[in-house]
């Protein structure tokens, strides 16, 4: 259930480096499973500057609301418009239903995130 080619934050976001150097961000299967049925996603503002670890978006479910954190510092380039009318896509496949993309200020910040094995161990310990 956890893709091996991504990086992961302990706050349960995943980060994927795209060919153009941008970072695509979403929440993990573990996060959506803990939230339950997702009913709303509040995206960050496009062109907003964020710092690594900063809460910049919100996801709401029938159980709770949770912040989504930026895995790297940079500028928000775009958000996933499909989630505005179909937030339940996050529950169907959280690795396809990305939240936003960032142009990173320092791509090396990804090194501070967990790899597949470390994230799996971390998620299983919760």
Protein backbone atom coordinates (compact mmCIF):
# COMPACT_ATOMS: atom_id res chain seq x y z
CA UNK A 1 0.00 0.00 0.00
CA UNK A 2 3.00 2.34 0.41
CA UNK A 3 4.76 3.27 -2.85
CA UNK A 4 8.51 2.76 -2.62
CA UNK A 5 9.48 5.67 -4.89
CA UNK A 6 8.17 8.48 -2.68
CA UNK A 7 9.44 10.36 0.37
CA UNK A 8 7.31 10.65 3.50
CA UNK A 9 6.84 13.10 6.36
CA UNK A 10 6.04 11.98 9.91
CA UNK A 11 2.89 14.09 9.54
CA UNK A 12 1.77 11.56 6.87
CA UNK A 13 2.28 13.52 3.67
CA UNK A 14 4.02 11.98 0.68
CA UNK A 15 6.28 13.87 -1.71
CA UNK A 16 7.12 12.92 -5.28
CA UNK A 17 9.83 14.66 -7.29
CA UNK A 18 8.60 15.30 -10.84
CA UNK A 19 10.79 15.40 -13.96
CA UNK A 20 10.70 19.24 -13.94
CA UNK A 21 11.97 19.37 -10.33
CA UNK A 22 8.64 20.28 -8.76
CA UNK A 23 7.32 18.31 -5.80
CA UNK A 24 3.84 16.77 -5.85
CA UNK A 25 2.28 16.40 -2.39
CA UNK A 26 -0.54 14.26 -1.03
CA UNK A 27 -1.50 12.35 2.08
CA UNK A 28 -0.65 8.73 2.72
CA UNK A 29 -2.95 5.73 2.80
CA UNK A 30 -2.39 5.57 6.56
CA UNK A 31 -3.56 9.19 6.94
CA UNK A 32 -6.72 8.76 4.89
CA UNK A 33 -7.49 5.52 6.72
CA UNK A 34 -7.22 7.33 10.08
CA UNK A 35 -9.38 10.21 8.84
CA UNK A 36 -12.18 8.10 7.39
CA UNK A 37 -14.43 9.43 4.65
CA UNK A 38 -12.93 12.67 3.31
CA UNK A 39 -15.57 15.35 2.71
CA UNK A 40 -13.55 18.53 2.05
CA UNK A 41 -10.07 19.67 1.04
CA UNK A 42 -8.96 23.28 1.59
CA UNK A 43 -6.02 23.90 -0.69
CA UNK A 44 -3.23 26.38 -0.07
CA UNK A 45 -3.24 29.55 -2.15
CA UNK A 46 -1.31 29.31 -5.41
CA UNK A 47 1.89 31.41 -5.30
CA UNK A 48 1.98 31.15 -1.49
CA UNK A 49 5.46 30.70 -0.05
CA UNK A 50 5.66 27.91 2.51
CA UNK A 51 8.33 26.60 4.85
CA UNK A 52 9.15 22.95 5.36
CA UNK A 53 6.76 21.52 7.96
CA UNK A 54 4.36 24.47 7.77
CA UNK A 55 0.64 23.69 7.87
CA UNK A 56 -0.64 25.02 4.56
CA UNK A 57 -3.84 23.12 3.74
CA UNK A 58 -6.65 21.32 5.57
CA UNK A 59 -8.42 18.04 4.93
CA UNK A 60 -11.75 17.30 6.61
CA UNK A 61 -13.47 13.99 7.10
CA UNK A 62 -16.59 12.79 8.84
CA UNK A 63 -14.36 12.24 11.91
CA UNK A 64 -12.01 15.22 12.07
CA UNK A 65 -10.11 17.99 10.34
CA UNK A 66 -6.36 17.73 9.89
CA UNK A 67 -3.64 20.04 8.65
CA UNK A 68 -1.57 19.16 5.60
CA UNK A 69 2.06 20.23 5.94
CA UNK A 70 4.54 21.29 3.29
CA UNK A 71 7.24 18.61 3.03
CA UNK A 72 9.68 21.17 1.59
CA UNK A 73 9.99 24.94 1.51
CA UNK A 74 8.98 26.70 -1.67
CA UNK A 75 6.16 28.21 -3.68
CA UNK A 76 2.79 26.56 -4.26
CA UNK A 77 2.47 26.26 -8.04
CA UNK A 78 -0.86 24.52 -8.47
CA UNK A 79 -3.54 22.58 -6.63
CA UNK A 80 -5.56 19.55 -7.68
CA UNK A 81 -8.89 21.04 -8.88
CA UNK A 82 -10.59 17.62 -8.94
CA UNK A 83 -10.64 17.52 -5.15
CA UNK A 84 -12.92 20.56 -4.89
CA UNK A 85 -15.90 18.59 -6.22
CA UNK A 86 -14.71 15.07 -5.40
CA UNK A 87 -12.73 15.01 -2.13
CA UNK A 88 -13.57 11.30 -1.78
CA UNK A 89 -10.91 10.63 -4.44
CA UNK A 90 -8.42 10.78 -1.56
CA UNK A 91 -10.05 7.70 -0.04
CA UNK A 92 -10.09 5.81 -3.34
CA UNK A 93 -6.38 6.29 -4.05
CA UNK A 94 -4.43 8.75 -1.90
CA UNK A 95 -1.34 8.34 -4.09
CA UNK A 96 -3.19 9.47 -7.22
CA UNK A 97 -5.31 12.16 -5.53
CA UNK A 98 -2.48 14.64 -4.99
CA UNK A 99 -3.16 17.89 -3.12
CA UNK A 100 -0.71 20.46 -4.49
CA UNK A 101 2.63 20.99 -6.21
CA UNK A 102 5.55 23.01 -4.88
CA UNK A 103 8.51 24.60 -6.63
CA UNK A 104 11.12 23.81 -3.96
CA UNK A 105 13.55 26.41 -2.67
CA UNK A 106 15.98 23.69 -1.56
CA UNK A 107 15.33 20.22 -3.03
CA UNK A 108 17.83 18.82 -0.53
CA UNK A 109 15.14 19.27 2.16
CA UNK A 110 13.69 16.02 0.79
CA UNK A 111 16.66 14.27 2.41
CA UNK A 112 15.11 14.99 5.81
CA UNK A 113 12.01 12.97 4.91
CA UNK A 114 11.54 9.25 5.44
CA UNK A 115 12.06 6.67 2.72
CA UNK A 116 9.62 3.81 2.13
CA UNK A 117 11.05 1.42 4.74
CA UNK A 118 11.36 4.06 7.45
CA UNK A 119 7.85 5.38 6.85
CA UNK A 120 6.33 1.90 6.87
CA UNK A 121 8.00 1.18 10.22
CA UNK A 122 6.86 4.55 11.59
CA UNK A 123 3.24 4.12 10.43
CA UNK A 124 3.04 0.60 11.83
CA UNK A 125 4.23 1.85 15.23
CA UNK A 126 1.34 4.29 15.61
